[in-house]
């Protein structure tokens, strides 16, 4: 990975965004189980 601050920032942002989406989809699947 390039040690450029902007690239690292974008990488961290996309990583946290994908983790957030993963958590949301997991929560919705769990919510469906309890309906």
C-alpha atoms as a PDB file:
ATOM      1  CA  UNK A   1       0.000   0.000   0.000  1.00  0.00           C
ATOM      2  CA  UNK A   2       1.240   3.461  -0.875  1.00  0.00           C
ATOM      3  CA  UNK A   3       2.276   5.470   2.173  1.00  0.00           C
ATOM      4  CA  UNK A   4       0.372   8.532   0.968  1.00  0.00           C
ATOM      5  CA  UNK A   5      -1.846  10.162   3.631  1.00  0.00           C
ATOM      6  CA  UNK A   6      -4.742  10.722   1.240  1.00  0.00           C
ATOM      7  CA  UNK A   7      -4.610   7.133  -0.048  1.00  0.00           C
ATOM      8  CA  UNK A   8      -4.444   5.805   3.505  1.00  0.00           C
ATOM      9  CA  UNK A   9      -7.392   7.997   4.487  1.00  0.00           C
ATOM     10  CA  UNK A  10      -9.495   6.748   1.565  1.00  0.00           C
ATOM     11  CA  UNK A  11      -8.481   3.168   2.338  1.00  0.00           C
ATOM     12  CA  UNK A  12      -9.467   3.485   5.995  1.00  0.00           C
ATOM     13  CA  UNK A  13     -12.715   5.208   5.041  1.00  0.00           C
ATOM     14  CA  UNK A  14     -13.723   2.511   2.564  1.00  0.00           C
ATOM     15  CA  UNK A  15     -12.745  -0.169   5.065  1.00  0.00           C
ATOM     16  CA  UNK A  16     -14.841   1.349   7.850  1.00  0.00           C
ATOM     17  CA  UNK A  17     -17.682   1.873   5.397  1.00  0.00           C
ATOM     18  CA  UNK A  18     -17.668  -1.786   4.340  1.00  0.00           C
ATOM     19  CA  UNK A  19     -17.499  -2.861   7.983  1.00  0.00           C
ATOM     20  CA  UNK A  20     -20.458  -0.601   8.747  1.00  0.00           C
ATOM     21  CA  UNK A  21     -22.445  -2.085   5.864  1.00  0.00           C
ATOM     22  CA  UNK A  22     -21.543  -5.575   7.028  1.00  0.00           C
ATOM     23  CA  UNK A  23     -22.734  -4.801  10.555  1.00  0.00           C
ATOM     24  CA  UNK A  24     -25.984  -3.324   9.252  1.00  0.00           C
ATOM     25  CA  UNK A  25     -26.738  -6.336   7.048  1.00  0.00           C
ATOM     26  CA  UNK A  26     -25.916  -8.645   9.969  1.00  0.00           C
ATOM     27  CA  UNK A  27     -28.251  -6.684  12.256  1.00  0.00           C
ATOM     28  CA  UNK A  28     -31.076  -6.799   9.720  1.00  0.00           C
ATOM     29  CA  UNK A  29     -30.658 -10.567   9.310  1.00  0.00           C
ATOM     30  CA  UNK A  30     -30.751 -11.040  13.080  1.00  0.00           C
ATOM     31  CA  UNK A  31     -33.805  -8.769  13.268  1.00  0.00           C
ATOM     32  CA  UNK A  32     -35.536 -10.935  10.659  1.00  0.00           C
ATOM     33  CA  UNK A  33     -34.907 -13.993  12.812  1.00  0.00           C
ATOM     34  CA  UNK A  34     -36.702 -12.409  15.745  1.00  0.00           C
ATOM     35  CA  UNK A  35     -39.729 -11.184  13.811  1.00  0.00           C
END
